[in-house]
């Protein structure tokens, strides 16, 4: 295998990812962070009424961001018990 073929093979995923993001950003956004069915259901049932909600187990906050973008949230409480456990381990 020559150098050009090797580089093309090793960078294919990166190159196609850049093309997808550049040509169809909305498709790429939906692929990375799709709206969960329950969020769609809550939006359908609640209409545009202001809501107060809680998310337990926030992780990186992608679902919380999706909730805030999709629903009319008056307040969204984010609880992530693992964060306290990690901080406790780091303190040791």
Foldseek 3Di string as FASTA:
>chain_A
DDPVVVVCVVCVVVVVVVVCCVPPVVVVVCVVQNQDPVLVVCCVVVPQDEDEEEDEACDPPSNVVVSVVRHRYPYYHYHYVVVVVVVVVVVD
